[in-house]
């Protein structure tokens, strides 16, 4: 969606509590869990949240679908299946 696979530390000190809670809600909607591994959130979620707060529409349902497909493709490549 926004490219790259960098991580953003959700426990960053300069992140407002309300923003962290909103991003955690987005994470839950996308991945179906509220447990953020190692407190790292994919950077594209952060970028999406910023775009959303600036009134750029984000289709989170499409993002969730794309995320699932990308994860499945990575698992296939990782396990050597084609």
N, C-alpha and C. Protein backbone atom coordinates (compact mmCIF):
# COMPACT_ATOMS: atom_id res chain seq x y z
N UNK A 1 0.83 -1.19 0.00
CA UNK A 1 0.00 0.00 0.00
C UNK A 1 0.87 1.25 0.00
N UNK A 2 1.79 1.37 0.95
CA UNK A 2 2.71 2.49 0.98
C UNK A 2 4.14 2.04 0.73
N UNK A 3 4.33 0.75 0.47
CA UNK A 3 5.64 0.22 0.16
C UNK A 3 6.50 0.03 1.40
N UNK A 4 7.55 -0.75 1.23
CA UNK A 4 8.49 -0.96 2.32
C UNK A 4 7.95 -1.87 3.40
N UNK A 5 8.84 -2.37 4.21
CA UNK A 5 8.43 -3.25 5.30
C UNK A 5 9.06 -2.83 6.61
N UNK A 6 9.36 -1.55 6.74
CA UNK A 6 9.97 -1.05 7.96
C UNK A 6 8.95 -1.08 9.09
N UNK A 7 9.45 -0.98 10.31
CA UNK A 7 8.59 -1.04 11.48
C UNK A 7 8.62 0.27 12.25
N UNK A 8 7.51 0.56 12.91
CA UNK A 8 7.38 1.74 13.75
C UNK A 8 7.11 1.26 15.17
N UNK A 9 7.89 1.73 16.14
CA UNK A 9 7.69 1.33 17.52
C UNK A 9 6.48 2.04 18.10
N UNK A 10 5.46 1.27 18.41
CA UNK A 10 4.20 1.82 18.90
C UNK A 10 4.35 2.46 20.28
N UNK A 11 5.44 2.16 20.98
CA UNK A 11 5.69 2.73 22.30
C UNK A 11 6.56 3.99 22.23
N UNK A 12 6.69 4.58 21.05
CA UNK A 12 7.51 5.79 20.88
C UNK A 12 7.02 6.89 21.83
N UNK A 13 7.96 7.58 22.45
CA UNK A 13 7.63 8.57 23.46
C UNK A 13 6.92 9.80 22.90
N UNK A 14 7.17 10.13 21.65
CA UNK A 14 6.55 11.33 21.09
C UNK A 14 5.21 11.05 20.41
N UNK A 15 4.68 9.84 20.55
CA UNK A 15 3.39 9.48 19.97
C UNK A 15 2.29 9.77 20.99
N UNK A 16 1.30 10.55 20.58
CA UNK A 16 0.19 10.87 21.47
C UNK A 16 -0.62 9.61 21.78
N UNK A 17 -1.14 9.54 22.98
CA UNK A 17 -1.91 8.38 23.41
C UNK A 17 -3.10 8.12 22.49
N UNK A 18 -3.83 9.16 22.13
CA UNK A 18 -5.00 8.99 21.26
C UNK A 18 -4.61 8.46 19.89
N UNK A 19 -3.45 8.88 19.38
CA UNK A 19 -2.97 8.38 18.08
C UNK A 19 -2.56 6.92 18.19
N UNK A 20 -1.90 6.56 19.29
CA UNK A 20 -1.48 5.17 19.50
C UNK A 20 -2.70 4.26 19.58
N UNK A 21 -3.72 4.69 20.31
CA UNK A 21 -4.93 3.89 20.45
C UNK A 21 -5.60 3.70 19.10
N UNK A 22 -5.67 4.77 18.30
CA UNK A 22 -6.28 4.68 16.97
C UNK A 22 -5.51 3.71 16.08
N UNK A 23 -4.19 3.78 16.11
CA UNK A 23 -3.39 2.87 15.28
C UNK A 23 -3.52 1.43 15.75
N UNK A 24 -3.66 1.23 17.06
CA UNK A 24 -3.88 -0.12 17.58
C UNK A 24 -5.23 -0.65 17.10
N UNK A 25 -6.24 0.22 17.02
CA UNK A 25 -7.55 -0.19 16.50
C UNK A 25 -7.45 -0.57 15.03
N UNK A 26 -6.69 0.20 14.26
CA UNK A 26 -6.48 -0.12 12.85
C UNK A 26 -5.77 -1.46 12.72
N UNK A 27 -4.74 -1.67 13.54
CA UNK A 27 -3.99 -2.93 13.53
C UNK A 27 -4.93 -4.10 13.81
N UNK A 28 -5.82 -3.93 14.79
CA UNK A 28 -6.77 -4.99 15.13
C UNK A 28 -7.71 -5.28 13.95
N UNK A 29 -8.19 -4.22 13.31
CA UNK A 29 -9.09 -4.41 12.17
C UNK A 29 -8.40 -5.14 11.02
N UNK A 30 -7.12 -4.87 10.82
CA UNK A 30 -6.38 -5.48 9.72
C UNK A 30 -5.94 -6.91 10.02
N UNK A 31 -5.43 -7.13 11.24
CA UNK A 31 -4.81 -8.42 11.55
C UNK A 31 -5.62 -9.29 12.49
N UNK A 32 -6.72 -8.77 13.05
CA UNK A 32 -7.59 -9.56 13.91
C UNK A 32 -7.00 -9.86 15.28
N UNK A 33 -6.00 -9.12 15.70
CA UNK A 33 -5.41 -9.28 17.02
C UNK A 33 -4.99 -7.92 17.55
N UNK A 34 -5.06 -7.80 18.86
CA UNK A 34 -4.63 -6.53 19.46
C UNK A 34 -3.21 -6.64 20.00
N UNK A 35 -2.59 -7.80 19.83
CA UNK A 35 -1.22 -8.00 20.29
C UNK A 35 -0.26 -7.60 19.17
N UNK A 36 0.45 -6.52 19.39
CA UNK A 36 1.40 -6.02 18.39
C UNK A 36 2.77 -6.59 18.73
N UNK A 37 3.26 -7.48 17.89
CA UNK A 37 4.51 -8.18 18.13
C UNK A 37 5.67 -7.20 18.31
N UNK A 38 6.40 -7.36 19.41
CA UNK A 38 7.57 -6.53 19.73
C UNK A 38 7.26 -5.03 19.71
N UNK A 39 6.00 -4.67 19.88
CA UNK A 39 5.57 -3.27 19.83
C UNK A 39 5.89 -2.63 18.48
N UNK A 40 6.09 -3.43 17.45
CA UNK A 40 6.41 -2.92 16.11
C UNK A 40 5.19 -3.00 15.21
N UNK A 41 4.85 -1.88 14.63
CA UNK A 41 3.74 -1.81 13.71
C UNK A 41 4.30 -1.51 12.32
N UNK A 42 3.79 -2.18 11.29
CA UNK A 42 4.29 -1.87 9.95
C UNK A 42 4.16 -0.36 9.66
N UNK A 43 5.19 0.20 9.08
CA UNK A 43 5.21 1.64 8.82
C UNK A 43 4.07 2.07 7.91
N UNK A 44 3.63 1.18 7.01
CA UNK A 44 2.56 1.59 6.10
C UNK A 44 1.26 1.87 6.85
N UNK A 45 1.06 1.25 8.02
CA UNK A 45 -0.12 1.58 8.82
C UNK A 45 0.01 3.00 9.34
N UNK A 46 1.20 3.34 9.80
CA UNK A 46 1.46 4.70 10.27
C UNK A 46 1.22 5.70 9.15
N UNK A 47 1.73 5.41 7.97
CA UNK A 47 1.53 6.30 6.82
C UNK A 47 0.05 6.41 6.48
N UNK A 48 -0.65 5.29 6.52
CA UNK A 48 -2.08 5.30 6.25
C UNK A 48 -2.85 6.13 7.26
N UNK A 49 -2.46 6.01 8.51
CA UNK A 49 -3.11 6.79 9.56
C UNK A 49 -2.89 8.29 9.32
N UNK A 50 -1.67 8.66 8.99
CA UNK A 50 -1.37 10.07 8.71
C UNK A 50 -2.19 10.56 7.53
N UNK A 51 -2.23 9.77 6.45
CA UNK A 51 -3.03 10.16 5.28
C UNK A 51 -4.50 10.30 5.66
N UNK A 52 -5.00 9.39 6.48
CA UNK A 52 -6.39 9.43 6.91
C UNK A 52 -6.69 10.68 7.73
N UNK A 53 -5.76 11.06 8.63
CA UNK A 53 -5.99 12.25 9.45
C UNK A 53 -5.94 13.53 8.62
N UNK A 54 -5.30 13.45 7.44
CA UNK A 54 -5.25 14.61 6.54
C UNK A 54 -6.38 14.56 5.52
N UNK A 55 -7.39 13.72 5.82
CA UNK A 55 -8.62 13.61 5.01
C UNK A 55 -8.40 12.98 3.64
N UNK A 56 -7.36 12.17 3.49
CA UNK A 56 -7.19 11.38 2.28
C UNK A 56 -7.87 10.04 2.55
N UNK A 57 -8.86 9.68 1.74
CA UNK A 57 -9.60 8.44 2.03
C UNK A 57 -8.72 7.20 1.90
N UNK A 58 -8.85 6.30 2.88
CA UNK A 58 -8.13 5.04 2.88
C UNK A 58 -9.17 3.93 2.93
N UNK A 59 -9.05 2.98 2.02
CA UNK A 59 -9.94 1.83 2.02
C UNK A 59 -9.27 0.74 2.85
N UNK A 60 -9.55 0.72 4.16
CA UNK A 60 -8.88 -0.22 5.05
C UNK A 60 -9.27 -1.66 4.76
N UNK A 61 -10.48 -1.88 4.23
CA UNK A 61 -10.88 -3.25 3.87
C UNK A 61 -9.98 -3.76 2.75
N UNK A 62 -9.70 -2.92 1.77
CA UNK A 62 -8.80 -3.30 0.68
C UNK A 62 -7.38 -3.51 1.22
N UNK A 63 -6.98 -2.68 2.16
CA UNK A 63 -5.65 -2.82 2.76
C UNK A 63 -5.53 -4.15 3.48
N UNK A 64 -6.57 -4.53 4.21
CA UNK A 64 -6.56 -5.81 4.93
C UNK A 64 -6.47 -6.97 3.95
N UNK A 65 -7.22 -6.89 2.86
CA UNK A 65 -7.18 -7.94 1.84
C UNK A 65 -5.79 -8.04 1.21
N UNK A 66 -5.22 -6.90 0.87
CA UNK A 66 -3.88 -6.87 0.28
C UNK A 66 -2.84 -7.42 1.25
N UNK A 67 -3.01 -7.08 2.53
CA UNK A 67 -2.08 -7.55 3.56
C UNK A 67 -2.12 -9.07 3.66
N UNK A 68 -3.32 -9.63 3.65
CA UNK A 68 -3.47 -11.09 3.72
C UNK A 68 -2.82 -11.77 2.53
N UNK A 69 -3.03 -11.22 1.35
CA UNK A 69 -2.44 -11.80 0.14
C UNK A 69 -0.92 -11.70 0.17
N UNK A 70 -0.40 -10.56 0.63
CA UNK A 70 1.05 -10.37 0.71
C UNK A 70 1.66 -11.35 1.70
N UNK A 71 1.01 -11.52 2.85
CA UNK A 71 1.51 -12.46 3.86
C UNK A 71 1.51 -13.89 3.30
N UNK A 72 0.46 -14.27 2.60
CA UNK A 72 0.39 -15.61 2.01
C UNK A 72 1.51 -15.80 0.99
N UNK A 73 1.77 -14.79 0.17
CA UNK A 73 2.85 -14.87 -0.82
C UNK A 73 4.21 -15.00 -0.14
N UNK A 74 4.43 -14.25 0.92
CA UNK A 74 5.70 -14.35 1.66
C UNK A 74 5.88 -15.72 2.27
N UNK A 75 4.79 -16.29 2.81
CA UNK A 75 4.86 -17.63 3.40
C UNK A 75 5.20 -18.66 2.34
N UNK A 76 4.63 -18.51 1.15
CA UNK A 76 4.91 -19.44 0.06
C UNK A 76 6.37 -19.36 -0.33
N UNK A 77 6.88 -18.16 -0.47
CA UNK A 77 8.29 -17.96 -0.84
C UNK A 77 9.21 -18.48 0.27
N UNK A 78 8.87 -18.20 1.51
CA UNK A 78 9.69 -18.61 2.65
C UNK A 78 9.77 -20.14 2.74
N UNK A 79 8.67 -20.81 2.46
CA UNK A 79 8.63 -22.26 2.57
C UNK A 79 9.05 -22.97 1.28
N UNK A 80 9.40 -22.20 0.26
CA UNK A 80 9.92 -22.78 -0.98
C UNK A 80 8.86 -23.40 -1.86
N UNK A 81 7.59 -23.06 -1.62
CA UNK A 81 6.54 -23.59 -2.47
C UNK A 81 6.27 -22.62 -3.60
N UNK A 82 5.78 -23.15 -4.72
CA UNK A 82 5.43 -22.25 -5.82
C UNK A 82 4.00 -22.39 -6.22
